[in-house]
Amino acid sequence: MRKPTRTRRANRALEIFRHHIGARVTFTGLAVERGVTEHGVIVDVDHRMVYVDYGYPNPICAELGNAIPTHSSNLRLETTIAAADI
């Protein structure tokens, strides 16, 4: 007997970022509490993370180059036109 296939629901937050690959974003996670804000560009989106180029190499996974996986709840689109889609 085969297991039923899992169906993934589309994550609305990820869909918004998927439509804005190449757009500038601001990281607003825990670093903001310390007064540090990071800016980057969306390079890819998969089924659970947004990959952002912050301008430095990924310290954990060198194969990703400058793409650093970031949870969508920690990102804000910088452009007002793109933010209007949210």
PDB file of N, CA and C in Angstrom:
ATOM      1  N   MET A   1       0.844  -1.175   0.000  1.00  0.00           N
ATOM      2  CA  MET A   1       0.000   0.000   0.000  1.00  0.00           C
ATOM      3  C   MET A   1       0.890   1.238   0.000  1.00  0.00           C
ATOM      4  N   ARG A   2       0.552   2.202  -0.846  1.00  0.00           N
ATOM      5  CA  ARG A   2       1.337   3.420  -0.961  1.00  0.00           C
ATOM      6  C   ARG A   2       0.798   4.502  -0.036  1.00  0.00           C
ATOM      7  N   LYS A   3       1.713   5.323   0.447  1.00  0.00           N
ATOM      8  CA  LYS A   3       1.298   6.454   1.269  1.00  0.00           C
ATOM      9  C   LYS A   3       0.656   7.511   0.375  1.00  0.00           C
ATOM     10  N   PRO A   4      -0.349   8.210   0.884  1.00  0.00           N
ATOM     11  CA  PRO A   4      -0.926   9.282   0.080  1.00  0.00           C
ATOM     12  C   PRO A   4       0.087  10.411  -0.142  1.00  0.00           C
ATOM     13  N   THR A   5       0.039  10.992  -1.301  1.00  0.00           N
ATOM     14  CA  THR A   5       0.966  12.080  -1.617  1.00  0.00           C
ATOM     15  C   THR A   5       0.602  13.324  -0.829  1.00  0.00           C
ATOM     16  N   ARG A   6       1.613  13.957  -0.340  1.00  0.00           N
ATOM     17  CA  ARG A   6       1.380  15.209   0.381  1.00  0.00           C
ATOM     18  C   ARG A   6       1.147  16.321  -0.632  1.00  0.00           C
ATOM     19  N   THR A   7       0.192  17.116  -0.325  1.00  0.00           N
ATOM     20  CA  THR A   7      -0.034  18.279  -1.181  1.00  0.00           C
ATOM     21  C   THR A   7       0.427  19.507  -0.423  1.00  0.00           C
ATOM     22  N   ARG A   8       1.194  20.317  -1.090  1.00  0.00           N
ATOM     23  CA  ARG A   8       1.693  21.538  -0.452  1.00  0.00           C
ATOM     24  C   ARG A   8       0.803  22.694  -0.836  1.00  0.00           C
ATOM     25  N   ARG A   9       0.406  23.433   0.152  1.00  0.00           N
ATOM     26  CA  ARG A   9      -0.347  24.650  -0.113  1.00  0.00           C
ATOM     27  C   ARG A   9       0.611  25.762  -0.503  1.00  0.00           C
ATOM     28  N   ALA A  10       0.174  26.593  -1.393  1.00  0.00           N
ATOM     29  CA  ALA A  10       1.003  27.728  -1.792  1.00  0.00           C
ATOM     30  C   ALA A  10       1.100  28.702  -0.623  1.00  0.00           C
ATOM     31  N   ASN A  11       2.286  29.090  -0.292  1.00  0.00           N
ATOM     32  CA  ASN A  11       2.522  30.045   0.776  1.00  0.00           C
ATOM     33  C   ASN A  11       2.435  31.438   0.164  1.00  0.00           C
ATOM     34  N   ARG A  12       1.439  32.205   0.553  1.00  0.00           N
ATOM     35  CA  ARG A  12       1.207  33.524  -0.043  1.00  0.00           C
ATOM     36  C   ARG A  12       2.413  34.438   0.112  1.00  0.00           C
ATOM     37  N   ALA A  13       3.051  34.412   1.259  1.00  0.00           N
ATOM     38  CA  ALA A  13       4.223  35.271   1.476  1.00  0.00           C
ATOM     39  C   ALA A  13       5.341  34.922   0.501  1.00  0.00           C
ATOM     40  N   LEU A  14       5.566  33.636   0.275  1.00  0.00           N
ATOM     41  CA  LEU A  14       6.613  33.237  -0.657  1.00  0.00           C
ATOM     42  C   LEU A  14       6.244  33.584  -2.091  1.00  0.00           C
ATOM     43  N   GLU A  15       4.980  33.474  -2.442  1.00  0.00           N
ATOM     44  CA  GLU A  15       4.543  33.819  -3.796  1.00  0.00           C
ATOM     45  C   GLU A  15       4.812  35.282  -4.099  1.00  0.00           C
ATOM     46  N   ILE A  16       4.609  36.155  -3.120  1.00  0.00           N
ATOM     47  CA  ILE A  16       4.876  37.581  -3.312  1.00  0.00           C
ATOM     48  C   ILE A  16       6.354  37.788  -3.640  1.00  0.00           C
ATOM     49  N   PHE A  17       7.246  37.144  -2.880  1.00  0.00           N
ATOM     50  CA  PHE A  17       8.677  37.288  -3.138  1.00  0.00           C
ATOM     51  C   PHE A  17       9.076  36.619  -4.444  1.00  0.00           C
ATOM     52  N   ARG A  18       8.425  35.513  -4.791  1.00  0.00           N
ATOM     53  CA  ARG A  18       8.735  34.821  -6.042  1.00  0.00           C
ATOM     54  C   ARG A  18       8.480  35.734  -7.242  1.00  0.00           C
ATOM     55  N   HIS A  19       7.482  36.576  -7.143  1.00  0.00           N
ATOM     56  CA  HIS A  19       7.164  37.501  -8.232  1.00  0.00           C
ATOM     57  C   HIS A  19       8.072  38.726  -8.248  1.00  0.00           C
ATOM     58  N   HIS A  20       8.950  38.849  -7.262  1.00  0.00           N
ATOM     59  CA  HIS A  20       9.830  40.017  -7.177  1.00  0.00           C
ATOM     60  C   HIS A  20      11.302  39.630  -7.131  1.00  0.00           C
ATOM     61  N   ILE A  21      11.675  38.559  -7.835  1.00  0.00           N
ATOM     62  CA  ILE A  21      13.089  38.183  -7.906  1.00  0.00           C
ATOM     63  C   ILE A  21      13.838  39.331  -8.579  1.00  0.00           C
ATOM     64  N   GLY A  22      14.922  39.746  -7.969  1.00  0.00           N
ATOM     65  CA  GLY A  22      15.696  40.885  -8.453  1.00  0.00           C
ATOM     66  C   GLY A  22      15.372  42.178  -7.716  1.00  0.00           C
ATOM     67  N   ALA A  23      14.326  42.147  -6.875  1.00  0.00           N
ATOM     68  CA  ALA A  23      13.936  43.343  -6.112  1.00  0.00           C
ATOM     69  C   ALA A  23      14.799  43.465  -4.860  1.00  0.00           C
ATOM     70  N   ARG A  24      14.961  44.686  -4.386  1.00  0.00           N
ATOM     71  CA  ARG A  24      15.712  44.940  -3.154  1.00  0.00           C
ATOM     72  C   ARG A  24      14.823  44.691  -1.940  1.00  0.00           C
ATOM     73  N   VAL A  25      15.420  44.099  -0.904  1.00  0.00           N
ATOM     74  CA  VAL A  25      14.703  43.822   0.339  1.00  0.00           C
ATOM     75  C   VAL A  25      15.536  44.293   1.529  1.00  0.00           C
ATOM     76  N   THR A  26      14.850  44.470   2.641  1.00  0.00           N
ATOM     77  CA  THR A  26      15.503  44.812   3.900  1.00  0.00           C
ATOM     78  C   THR A  26      15.262  43.666   4.872  1.00  0.00           C
ATOM     79  N   PHE A  27      16.325  43.201   5.513  1.00  0.00           N
ATOM     80  CA  PHE A  27      16.223  42.163   6.537  1.00  0.00           C
ATOM     81  C   PHE A  27      15.787  42.831   7.830  1.00  0.00           C
ATOM     82  N   THR A  28      14.688  42.374   8.398  1.00  0.00           N
ATOM     83  CA  THR A  28      14.151  42.980   9.617  1.00  0.00           C
ATOM     84  C   THR A  28      13.993  41.941  10.725  1.00  0.00           C
ATOM     85  N   GLY A  29      14.943  41.068  10.859  1.00  0.00           N
ATOM     86  CA  GLY A  29      14.874  40.027  11.880  1.00  0.00           C
ATOM     87  C   GLY A  29      15.453  40.490  13.198  1.00  0.00           C
ATOM     88  N   LEU A  30      16.120  39.595  13.892  1.00  0.00           N
ATOM     89  CA  LEU A  30      16.689  39.896  15.206  1.00  0.00           C
ATOM     90  C   LEU A  30      17.752  40.981  15.147  1.00  0.00           C
ATOM     91  N   ALA A  31      18.401  41.138  14.012  1.00  0.00           N
ATOM     92  CA  ALA A  31      19.462  42.145  13.896  1.00  0.00           C
ATOM     93  C   ALA A  31      18.915  43.555  14.097  1.00  0.00           C
ATOM     94  N   VAL A  32      17.655  43.778  13.777  1.00  0.00           N
ATOM     95  CA  VAL A  32      17.060  45.101  13.927  1.00  0.00           C
ATOM     96  C   VAL A  32      17.006  45.504  15.392  1.00  0.00           C
ATOM     97  N   GLU A  33      16.798  44.534  16.280  1.00  0.00           N
ATOM     98  CA  GLU A  33      16.748  44.837  17.706  1.00  0.00           C
ATOM     99  C   GLU A  33      18.079  45.389  18.206  1.00  0.00           C
ATOM    100  N   ARG A  34      19.160  45.020  17.539  1.00  0.00           N
ATOM    101  CA  ARG A  34      20.479  45.522  17.912  1.00  0.00           C
ATOM    102  C   ARG A  34      20.837  46.775  17.131  1.00  0.00           C
ATOM    103  N   GLY A  35      19.930  47.254  16.281  1.00  0.00           N
ATOM    104  CA  GLY A  35      20.192  48.466  15.516  1.00  0.00           C
ATOM    105  C   GLY A  35      20.849  48.227  14.179  1.00  0.00           C
ATOM    106  N   VAL A  36      20.989  46.966  13.763  1.00  0.00           N
ATOM    107  CA  VAL A  36      21.634  46.635  12.496  1.00  0.00           C
ATOM    108  C   VAL A  36      20.567  46.216  11.491  1.00  0.00           C
ATOM    109  N   THR A  37      20.624  46.787  10.293  1.00  0.00           N
ATOM    110  CA  THR A  37      19.705  46.417   9.226  1.00  0.00           C
ATOM    111  C   THR A  37      20.531  45.994   8.025  1.00  0.00           C
ATOM    112  N   GLU A  38      20.113  44.915   7.351  1.00  0.00           N
ATOM    113  CA  GLU A  38      20.815  44.463   6.156  1.00  0.00           C
ATOM    114  C   GLU A  38      19.922  44.653   4.947  1.00  0.00           C
ATOM    115  N   HIS A  39      20.537  45.013   3.828  1.00  0.00           N
ATOM    116  CA  HIS A  39      19.824  45.189   2.571  1.00  0.00           C
ATOM    117  C   HIS A  39      20.384  44.189   1.575  1.00  0.00           C
ATOM    118  N   GLY A  40      19.518  43.661   0.722  1.00  0.00           N
ATOM    119  CA  GLY A  40      19.975  42.707  -0.273  1.00  0.00           C
ATOM    120  C   GLY A  40      19.021  42.636  -1.447  1.00  0.00           C
ATOM    121  N   VAL A  41      19.300  41.684  -2.340  1.00  0.00           N
ATOM    122  CA  VAL A  41      18.510  41.479  -3.550  1.00  0.00           C
ATOM    123  C   VAL A  41      18.044  40.023  -3.581  1.00  0.00           C
ATOM    124  N   ILE A  42      16.768  39.804  -3.888  1.00  0.00           N
ATOM    125  CA  ILE A  42      16.218  38.450  -3.979  1.00  0.00           C
ATOM    126  C   ILE A  42      16.809  37.767  -5.207  1.00  0.00           C
ATOM    127  N   VAL A  43      17.400  36.573  -5.013  1.00  0.00           N
ATOM    128  CA  VAL A  43      17.961  35.834  -6.134  1.00  0.00           C
ATOM    129  C   VAL A  43      17.182  34.567  -6.449  1.00  0.00           C
ATOM    130  N   ASP A  44      16.429  34.042  -5.480  1.00  0.00           N
ATOM    131  CA  ASP A  44      15.651  32.823  -5.723  1.00  0.00           C
ATOM    132  C   ASP A  44      14.666  32.615  -4.581  1.00  0.00           C
ATOM    133  N   VAL A  45      13.661  31.784  -4.831  1.00  0.00           N
ATOM    134  CA  VAL A  45      12.675  31.412  -3.813  1.00  0.00           C
ATOM    135  C   VAL A  45      12.360  29.933  -4.013  1.00  0.00           C
ATOM    136  N   ASP A  46      12.412  29.145  -2.943  1.00  0.00           N
ATOM    137  CA  ASP A  46      11.993  27.745  -3.063  1.00  0.00           C
ATOM    138  C   ASP A  46      10.696  27.546  -2.289  1.00  0.00           C
ATOM    139  N   HIS A  47      10.396  26.322  -1.895  1.00  0.00           N
ATOM    140  CA  HIS A  47       9.116  26.030  -1.248  1.00  0.00           C
ATOM    141  C   HIS A  47       9.021  26.526   0.194  1.00  0.00           C
ATOM    142  N   ARG A  48      10.159  26.999   0.794  1.00  0.00           N
ATOM    143  CA  ARG A  48      10.062  27.470   2.169  1.00  0.00           C
ATOM    144  C   ARG A  48      10.942  28.661   2.517  1.00  0.00           C
ATOM    145  N   MET A  49      11.907  29.023   1.668  1.00  0.00           N
ATOM    146  CA  MET A  49      12.837  30.109   1.987  1.00  0.00           C
ATOM    147  C   MET A  49      13.018  31.045   0.796  1.00  0.00           C
ATOM    148  N   VAL A  50      13.417  32.273   1.119  1.00  0.00           N
ATOM    149  CA  VAL A  50      13.777  33.273   0.122  1.00  0.00           C
ATOM    150  C   VAL A  50      15.298  33.386   0.167  1.00  0.00           C
ATOM    151  N   TYR A  51      15.954  33.305  -0.993  1.00  0.00           N
ATOM    152  CA  TYR A  51      17.408  33.396  -1.058  1.00  0.00           C
ATOM    153  C   TYR A  51      17.787  34.822  -1.435  1.00  0.00           C
ATOM    154  N   VAL A  52      18.572  35.455  -0.560  1.00  0.00           N
ATOM    155  CA  VAL A  52      18.911  36.866  -0.716  1.00  0.00           C
ATOM    156  C   VAL A  52      20.422  37.022  -0.813  1.00  0.00           C
ATOM    157  N   ASP A  53      20.853  37.870  -1.744  1.00  0.00           N
ATOM    158  CA  ASP A  53      22.265  38.219  -1.869  1.00  0.00           C
ATOM    159  C   ASP A  53      22.486  39.498  -1.072  1.00  0.00           C
ATOM    160  N   TYR A  54      23.173  39.369   0.074  1.00  0.00           N
ATOM    161  CA  TYR A  54      23.452  40.515   0.935  1.00  0.00           C
ATOM    162  C   TYR A  54      24.802  41.162   0.600  1.00  0.00           C
ATOM    163  N   GLY A  55      25.503  40.616  -0.381  1.00  0.00           N
ATOM    164  CA  GLY A  55      26.782  41.185  -0.791  1.00  0.00           C
ATOM    165  C   GLY A  55      28.001  40.515  -0.194  1.00  0.00           C
ATOM    166  N   TYR A  56      27.811  39.408   0.513  1.00  0.00           N
ATOM    167  CA  TYR A  56      28.941  38.657   1.057  1.00  0.00           C
ATOM    168  C   TYR A  56      28.646  37.169   0.906  1.00  0.00           C
ATOM    169  N   PRO A  57      29.688  36.331   0.863  1.00  0.00           N
ATOM    170  CA  PRO A  57      29.488  34.888   0.648  1.00  0.00           C
ATOM    171  C   PRO A  57      28.740  34.229   1.804  1.00  0.00           C
ATOM    172  N   ASN A  58      27.988  33.198   1.464  1.00  0.00           N
ATOM    173  CA  ASN A  58      27.260  32.428   2.463  1.00  0.00           C
ATOM    174  C   ASN A  58      28.283  31.743   3.381  1.00  0.00           C
ATOM    175  N   PRO A  59      28.273  32.052   4.690  1.00  0.00           N
ATOM    176  CA  PRO A  59      29.283  31.492   5.588  1.00  0.00           C
ATOM    177  C   PRO A  59      29.062  30.022   5.927  1.00  0.00           C
ATOM    178  N   ILE A  60      27.875  29.496   5.691  1.00  0.00           N
ATOM    179  CA  ILE A  60      27.557  28.112   6.056  1.00  0.00           C
ATOM    180  C   ILE A  60      27.684  27.160   4.870  1.00  0.00           C
ATOM    181  N   CYS A  61      27.166  27.580   3.723  1.00  0.00           N
ATOM    182  CA  CYS A  61      27.117  26.705   2.550  1.00  0.00           C
ATOM    183  C   CYS A  61      27.746  27.428   1.358  1.00  0.00           C
ATOM    184  N   ALA A  62      29.026  27.207   1.121  1.00  0.00           N
ATOM    185  CA  ALA A  62      29.759  27.913   0.064  1.00  0.00           C
ATOM    186  C   ALA A  62      29.183  27.641  -1.329  1.00  0.00           C
ATOM    187  N   GLU A  63      28.507  26.503  -1.519  1.00  0.00           N
ATOM    188  CA  GLU A  63      27.930  26.163  -2.823  1.00  0.00           C
ATOM    189  C   GLU A  63      26.862  27.163  -3.264  1.00  0.00           C
ATOM    190  N   LEU A  64      26.275  27.883  -2.312  1.00  0.00           N
ATOM    191  CA  LEU A  64      25.226  28.854  -2.634  1.00  0.00           C
ATOM    192  C   LEU A  64      25.791  30.210  -3.052  1.00  0.00           C
ATOM    193  N   GLY A  65      27.097  30.382  -2.987  1.00  0.00           N
ATOM    194  CA  GLY A  65      27.699  31.663  -3.352  1.00  0.00           C
ATOM    195  C   GLY A  65      27.274  32.744  -2.373  1.00  0.00           C
ATOM    196  N   ASN A  66      26.697  33.828  -2.893  1.00  0.00           N
ATOM    197  CA  ASN A  66      26.244  34.922  -2.035  1.00  0.00           C
ATOM    198  C   ASN A  66      24.785  34.764  -1.609  1.00  0.00           C
ATOM    199  N   ALA A  67      24.099  33.724  -2.064  1.00  0.00           N
ATOM    200  CA  ALA A  67      22.684  33.526  -1.722  1.00  0.00           C
ATOM    201  C   ALA A  67      22.560  32.969  -0.306  1.00  0.00           C
ATOM    202  N   ILE A  68      21.848  33.692   0.533  1.00  0.00           N
ATOM    203  CA  ILE A  68      21.662  33.277   1.925  1.00  0.00           C
ATOM    204  C   ILE A  68      20.176  33.042   2.158  1.00  0.00           C
ATOM    205  N   PRO A  69      19.776  31.811   2.549  1.00  0.00           N
ATOM    206  CA  PRO A  69      18.359  31.545   2.794  1.00  0.00           C
ATOM    207  C   PRO A  69      17.848  32.360   3.981  1.00  0.00           C
ATOM    208  N   THR A  70      16.726  33.032   3.771  1.00  0.00           N
ATOM    209  CA  THR A  70      16.145  33.897   4.793  1.00  0.00           C
ATOM    210  C   THR A  70      14.644  33.633   4.849  1.00  0.00           C
ATOM    211  N   HIS A  71      14.091  33.525   6.032  1.00  0.00           N
ATOM    212  CA  HIS A  71      12.654  33.294   6.168  1.00  0.00           C
ATOM    213  C   HIS A  71      11.892  34.541   5.722  1.00  0.00           C
ATOM    214  N   SER A  72      10.807  34.342   5.017  1.00  0.00           N
ATOM    215  CA  SER A  72      10.052  35.461   4.446  1.00  0.00           C
ATOM    216  C   SER A  72       9.521  36.439   5.500  1.00  0.00           C
ATOM    217  N   SER A  73       9.274  35.962   6.708  1.00  0.00           N
ATOM    218  CA  SER A  73       8.751  36.857   7.749  1.00  0.00           C
ATOM    219  C   SER A  73       9.786  37.883   8.205  1.00  0.00           C
ATOM    220  N   ASN A  74      11.062  37.666   7.877  1.00  0.00           N
ATOM    221  CA  ASN A  74      12.123  38.593   8.255  1.00  0.00           C
ATOM    222  C   ASN A  74      12.468  39.595   7.167  1.00  0.00           C
ATOM    223  N   LEU A  75      11.746  39.563   6.044  1.00  0.00           N
ATOM    224  CA  LEU A  75      12.074  40.420   4.914  1.00  0.00           C
ATOM    225  C   LEU A  75      10.963  41.416   4.614  1.00  0.00           C
ATOM    226  N   ARG A  76      11.356  42.587   4.154  1.00  0.00           N
ATOM    227  CA  ARG A  76      10.415  43.618   3.700  1.00  0.00           C
ATOM    228  C   ARG A  76      10.896  44.124   2.358  1.00  0.00           C
ATOM    229  N   LEU A  77       9.998  44.208   1.390  1.00  0.00           N
ATOM    230  CA  LEU A  77      10.355  44.766   0.090  1.00  0.00           C
ATOM    231  C   LEU A  77      10.629  46.252   0.239  1.00  0.00           C
ATOM    232  N   GLU A  78      11.653  46.742  -0.443  1.00  0.00           N
ATOM    233  CA  GLU A  78      12.040  48.156  -0.295  1.00  0.00           C
ATOM    234  C   GLU A  78      11.235  49.093  -1.187  1.00  0.00           C
ATOM    235  N   THR A  79      10.815  48.623  -2.343  1.00  0.00           N
ATOM    236  CA  THR A  79      10.116  49.511  -3.262  1.00  0.00           C
ATOM    237  C   THR A  79       8.651  49.625  -2.886  1.00  0.00           C
ATOM    238  N   THR A  80       8.098  50.800  -3.020  1.00  0.00           N
ATOM    239  CA  THR A  80       6.691  51.010  -2.667  1.00  0.00           C
ATOM    240  C   THR A  80       5.762  50.312  -3.648  1.00  0.00           C
ATOM    241  N   ILE A  81       6.177  50.206  -4.907  1.00  0.00           N
ATOM    242  CA  ILE A  81       5.355  49.521  -5.907  1.00  0.00           C
ATOM    243  C   ILE A  81       5.254  48.051  -5.565  1.00  0.00           C
ATOM    244  N   ALA A  82       6.397  47.422  -5.231  1.00  0.00           N
ATOM    245  CA  ALA A  82       6.400  46.002  -4.879  1.00  0.00           C
ATOM    246  C   ALA A  82       5.661  45.771  -3.565  1.00  0.00           C
ATOM    247  N   ALA A  83       5.807  46.657  -2.603  1.00  0.00           N
ATOM    248  CA  ALA A  83       5.167  46.498  -1.296  1.00  0.00           C
ATOM    249  C   ALA A  83       3.651  46.606  -1.422  1.00  0.00           C
ATOM    250  N   ALA A  84       3.158  47.298  -2.432  1.00  0.00           N
ATOM    251  CA  ALA A  84       1.713  47.435  -2.611  1.00  0.00           C
ATOM    252  C   ALA A  84       1.057  46.099  -2.934  1.00  0.00           C
ATOM    253  N   ASP A  85       1.841  45.145  -3.458  1.00  0.00           N
ATOM    254  CA  ASP A  85       1.320  43.816  -3.779  1.00  0.00           C
ATOM    255  C   ASP A  85       1.048  42.990  -2.532  1.00  0.00           C
ATOM    256  N   ILE A  86       1.656  43.340  -1.421  1.00  0.00           N
ATOM    257  CA  ILE A  86       1.488  42.577  -0.186  1.00  0.00           C
ATOM    258  C   ILE A  86       0.166  42.856   0.357  1.00  0.00           C
TER     259      ILE A  86
END
